[in-house]
């Protein structure tokens, strides 16, 4: 009987070890994929807009006791951006202001639980505008505010241009709206998950390659 108990315990420990190390391996791959994606985005922006003053908008929740995995994921993103822009670039990281009470009860503002950028619903309407002054490029790791029509740094022509990581393109509008933002230069580039690919596979979309990308992935942009 004791042997059976020992065997059961050994199997349970082995199963836990397999789960733990598999989870660690998957998380490490996710960190590497995010770092590679942001590096690709930054490399393009650095060539497109050389000597630009860059503002990176990062997750405010990482400053208030977020789980280590969330913090590491955000660090992987900012690390990739610094690599891509290079040591000479002026890159500053900021954390947009949240709506009142969003830190304590984020679900009260999240009206679309399926959005890939939940912080779009949680940041204050003027959060981006408060931080944007003096920058040529804004790279958002948290998407765009859902009330985009009230965001002056997006609505105004000229600087800053935006680079987006895995955005909810529906906030910009339909496919025609996304194309317009690309052609005007307001949206310099974005990284989006590759349709039909794994979580780690992404596509860089720019004004120069959007037609080619859409030939390969016709449903990439929102209707």
Protein backbone atom coordinates (compact mmCIF):
# COMPACT_ATOMS: atom_id res chain seq x y z
CA UNK A 1 0.00 0.00 0.00
CA UNK A 2 2.87 2.32 0.92
CA UNK A 3 4.57 1.58 -2.41
CA UNK A 4 1.39 2.51 -4.26
CA UNK A 5 1.17 5.80 -2.36
CA UNK A 6 4.80 6.58 -3.10
CA UNK A 7 4.21 5.79 -6.77
CA UNK A 8 1.18 8.08 -6.93
CA UNK A 9 3.14 10.90 -5.31
CA UNK A 10 6.06 10.36 -7.69
CA UNK A 11 3.75 10.50 -10.70
CA UNK A 12 2.12 13.68 -9.39
CA UNK A 13 5.50 15.32 -8.82
CA UNK A 14 6.67 14.32 -12.29
CA UNK A 15 3.48 15.67 -13.87
CA UNK A 16 3.88 18.94 -12.01
CA UNK A 17 7.52 19.21 -13.09
CA UNK A 18 6.54 18.64 -16.73
CA UNK A 19 3.79 21.28 -16.50
CA UNK A 20 6.07 23.75 -14.72
CA UNK A 21 8.95 23.50 -17.16
CA UNK A 22 6.62 23.45 -20.18
CA UNK A 23 4.95 26.60 -18.88
CA UNK A 24 8.35 28.23 -18.34
CA UNK A 25 9.41 27.28 -21.85
CA UNK A 26 6.20 28.70 -23.36
CA UNK A 27 6.53 31.93 -21.39
CA UNK A 28 10.15 32.34 -22.44
CA UNK A 29 9.11 31.87 -26.07
CA UNK A 30 6.36 34.50 -25.62
CA UNK A 31 8.87 36.98 -24.17
CA UNK A 32 11.26 36.38 -27.07
CA UNK A 33 8.45 36.79 -29.60
CA UNK A 34 7.34 40.09 -28.08
CA UNK A 35 10.90 41.37 -28.00
CA UNK A 36 11.40 40.38 -31.64
CA UNK A 37 8.12 42.04 -32.65
CA UNK A 38 8.92 45.36 -31.00
CA UNK A 39 12.48 45.27 -32.32
CA UNK A 40 11.12 44.82 -35.85
CA UNK A 41 8.71 47.73 -35.34
CA UNK A 42 11.46 49.99 -33.98
CA UNK A 43 13.92 49.11 -36.71
CA UNK A 44 11.39 50.17 -39.33
CA UNK A 45 10.52 53.38 -37.51
CA UNK A 46 14.19 54.24 -37.03
CA UNK A 47 14.76 54.01 -40.78
CA UNK A 48 11.51 55.73 -41.70
CA UNK A 49 11.88 58.55 -39.18
CA UNK A 50 15.57 58.89 -38.32
CA UNK A 51 16.66 61.04 -35.37
CA UNK A 52 13.10 61.09 -34.07
CA UNK A 53 12.24 61.81 -30.46
CA UNK A 54 10.37 58.68 -29.37
CA UNK A 55 7.80 58.24 -26.64
CA UNK A 56 6.87 54.70 -25.62
CA UNK A 57 3.50 54.29 -23.91
CA UNK A 58 3.63 51.32 -21.59
CA UNK A 59 1.25 49.48 -19.26
CA UNK A 60 0.46 51.58 -16.14
CA UNK A 61 -0.52 48.45 -14.23
CA UNK A 62 3.10 47.29 -14.23
CA UNK A 63 3.79 50.14 -11.82
CA UNK A 64 1.30 48.93 -9.24
CA UNK A 65 1.99 45.35 -8.30
CA UNK A 66 1.17 43.46 -11.49
CA UNK A 67 2.06 39.74 -11.65
CA UNK A 68 5.74 39.11 -12.57
CA UNK A 69 4.75 37.58 -15.92
CA UNK A 70 2.96 40.79 -16.94
CA UNK A 71 5.95 42.91 -15.93
CA UNK A 72 8.38 40.64 -17.77
CA UNK A 73 6.25 40.76 -20.91
CA UNK A 74 6.21 44.55 -20.85
CA UNK A 75 9.96 44.64 -20.22
CA UNK A 76 10.47 42.36 -23.21
CA UNK A 77 8.54 44.85 -25.34
CA UNK A 78 10.49 47.89 -24.21
CA UNK A 79 13.77 46.01 -24.50
CA UNK A 80 13.00 45.14 -28.12
CA UNK A 81 12.19 48.78 -28.87
CA UNK A 82 15.48 49.99 -27.42
CA UNK A 83 17.36 47.43 -29.47
CA UNK A 84 15.52 48.40 -32.63
CA UNK A 85 15.90 52.15 -32.24
CA UNK A 86 19.54 51.84 -31.26
CA UNK A 87 21.62 53.48 -28.57
CA UNK A 88 21.61 56.92 -30.21
CA UNK A 89 17.84 57.30 -30.26
CA UNK A 90 16.06 59.41 -27.68
CA UNK A 91 13.53 56.94 -26.28
CA UNK A 92 11.42 57.79 -23.22
CA UNK A 93 8.94 55.47 -21.55
CA UNK A 94 5.76 56.80 -19.97
CA UNK A 95 2.67 55.34 -18.35
CA UNK A 96 -0.60 56.99 -19.42
CA UNK A 97 -3.05 58.14 -16.79
CA UNK A 98 -5.99 55.85 -16.14
CA UNK A 99 -9.66 56.75 -15.77
CA UNK A 100 -10.83 57.31 -12.18
CA UNK A 101 -11.17 53.99 -10.39
CA UNK A 102 -9.75 51.95 -13.29
CA UNK A 103 -6.79 50.75 -11.24
CA UNK A 104 -9.03 49.25 -8.55
CA UNK A 105 -11.84 48.05 -10.78
CA UNK A 106 -10.71 47.77 -14.43
CA UNK A 107 -13.66 45.59 -15.39
CA UNK A 108 -16.06 48.46 -14.79
CA UNK A 109 -14.69 50.18 -17.92
CA UNK A 110 -14.01 47.15 -20.11
CA UNK A 111 -17.06 47.03 -22.38
CA UNK A 112 -15.39 44.75 -24.96
CA UNK A 113 -13.72 41.83 -23.14
CA UNK A 114 -12.49 40.41 -26.47
CA UNK A 115 -10.37 43.42 -27.41
CA UNK A 116 -6.64 42.66 -27.71
CA UNK A 117 -5.91 46.01 -26.02
CA UNK A 118 -8.06 46.29 -22.87
CA UNK A 119 -6.14 49.39 -21.79
CA UNK A 120 -7.79 51.21 -24.70
CA UNK A 121 -10.88 51.33 -22.47
CA UNK A 122 -9.04 52.16 -19.25
CA UNK A 123 -6.78 55.10 -20.15
CA UNK A 124 -8.09 58.62 -19.62
CA UNK A 125 -9.33 60.36 -22.76
CA UNK A 126 -6.61 63.01 -22.54
CA UNK A 127 -3.87 60.68 -21.32
CA UNK A 128 -2.03 60.49 -24.64
CA UNK A 129 -2.30 64.23 -25.27
CA UNK A 130 -0.79 65.03 -21.88
CA UNK A 131 2.32 63.05 -22.78
CA UNK A 132 2.67 63.64 -26.52
CA UNK A 133 4.09 67.18 -26.64
CA UNK A 134 7.54 67.43 -28.18
CA UNK A 135 7.72 63.91 -29.61
CA UNK A 136 8.02 62.89 -33.25
CA UNK A 137 6.96 59.26 -32.77
CA UNK A 138 4.69 57.60 -30.24
CA UNK A 139 4.97 53.84 -29.91
CA UNK A 140 2.05 52.41 -27.98
CA UNK A 141 2.35 48.98 -26.43
CA UNK A 142 -1.19 49.29 -25.08
CA UNK A 143 -3.23 50.25 -28.14
CA UNK A 144 -5.13 53.48 -28.79
CA UNK A 145 -7.76 55.09 -26.54
CA UNK A 146 -11.24 53.95 -27.47
CA UNK A 147 -12.40 57.59 -27.67
CA UNK A 148 -9.94 58.20 -30.47
CA UNK A 149 -11.97 61.09 -31.90
CA UNK A 150 -11.06 63.08 -28.77
CA UNK A 151 -7.33 62.38 -28.92
CA UNK A 152 -5.80 65.50 -30.46
CA UNK A 153 -2.34 64.05 -31.07
CA UNK A 154 -4.03 61.49 -33.32
CA UNK A 155 -6.60 63.78 -34.94
CA UNK A 156 -4.19 66.63 -35.73
CA UNK A 157 -2.12 66.38 -38.90
CA UNK A 158 1.64 66.20 -38.68
CA UNK A 159 3.68 64.98 -35.74
CA UNK A 160 3.59 62.72 -33.90
CA UNK A 161 3.40 59.57 -35.98
CA UNK A 162 2.31 56.36 -34.30
CA UNK A 163 3.72 52.86 -34.16
CA UNK A 164 1.40 50.26 -32.64
CA UNK A 165 1.96 46.80 -31.21
CA UNK A 166 -0.91 44.34 -31.72
CA UNK A 167 -3.57 47.08 -31.84
CA UNK A 168 -7.33 46.76 -31.93
CA UNK A 169 -7.71 48.26 -35.40
CA UNK A 170 -11.47 48.59 -34.96
CA UNK A 171 -10.79 51.61 -32.75
CA UNK A 172 -9.36 53.39 -35.82
CA UNK A 173 -12.36 52.34 -37.90
CA UNK A 174 -12.77 50.15 -40.96
CA UNK A 175 -10.15 49.09 -43.45
CA UNK A 176 -10.44 52.36 -45.37
CA UNK A 177 -9.75 54.32 -42.17
CA UNK A 178 -6.67 52.26 -41.39
CA UNK A 179 -5.39 52.75 -44.94
CA UNK A 180 -5.99 56.51 -44.66
CA UNK A 181 -4.05 56.65 -41.39
CA UNK A 182 -1.17 54.79 -43.04
CA UNK A 183 -1.12 56.91 -46.19
CA UNK A 184 -1.22 60.16 -44.20
CA UNK A 185 1.72 59.07 -42.08
CA UNK A 186 -0.21 59.43 -38.84
CA UNK A 187 0.04 55.67 -38.47
CA UNK A 188 3.63 54.91 -39.48
CA UNK A 189 3.45 51.16 -38.87
CA UNK A 190 1.86 48.48 -36.77
CA UNK A 191 2.57 44.92 -35.78
CA UNK A 192 -0.38 42.55 -35.91
CA UNK A 193 -0.81 38.85 -35.28
CA UNK A 194 -0.41 36.81 -38.43
CA UNK A 195 -3.81 35.37 -39.42
CA UNK A 196 -3.73 31.61 -39.09
CA UNK A 197 -0.32 31.70 -37.42
CA UNK A 198 0.75 30.94 -33.89
CA UNK A 199 0.63 33.49 -31.08
CA UNK A 200 4.29 34.23 -31.73
CA UNK A 201 3.91 34.95 -35.46
CA UNK A 202 3.37 38.59 -36.36
CA UNK A 203 3.27 40.83 -39.44
CA UNK A 204 4.65 44.35 -39.82
CA UNK A 205 2.24 46.53 -41.79
CA UNK A 206 3.26 49.86 -43.32
CA UNK A 207 2.06 52.21 -46.03
CA UNK A 208 4.60 50.63 -48.36
CA UNK A 209 3.56 47.01 -47.90
CA UNK A 210 -0.13 47.16 -46.93
CA UNK A 211 -1.36 46.15 -50.40
CA UNK A 212 1.03 43.21 -50.55
CA UNK A 213 0.09 42.09 -47.04
CA UNK A 214 -3.62 42.30 -47.86
CA UNK A 215 -3.14 40.13 -50.93
CA UNK A 216 -1.79 37.46 -48.63
CA UNK A 217 -4.19 38.14 -45.74
CA UNK A 218 -7.39 39.67 -47.21
CA UNK A 219 -9.18 39.81 -43.86
CA UNK A 220 -6.34 41.46 -41.96
CA UNK A 221 -8.09 44.83 -41.68
CA UNK A 222 -11.51 45.35 -40.05
CA UNK A 223 -14.59 45.59 -42.27
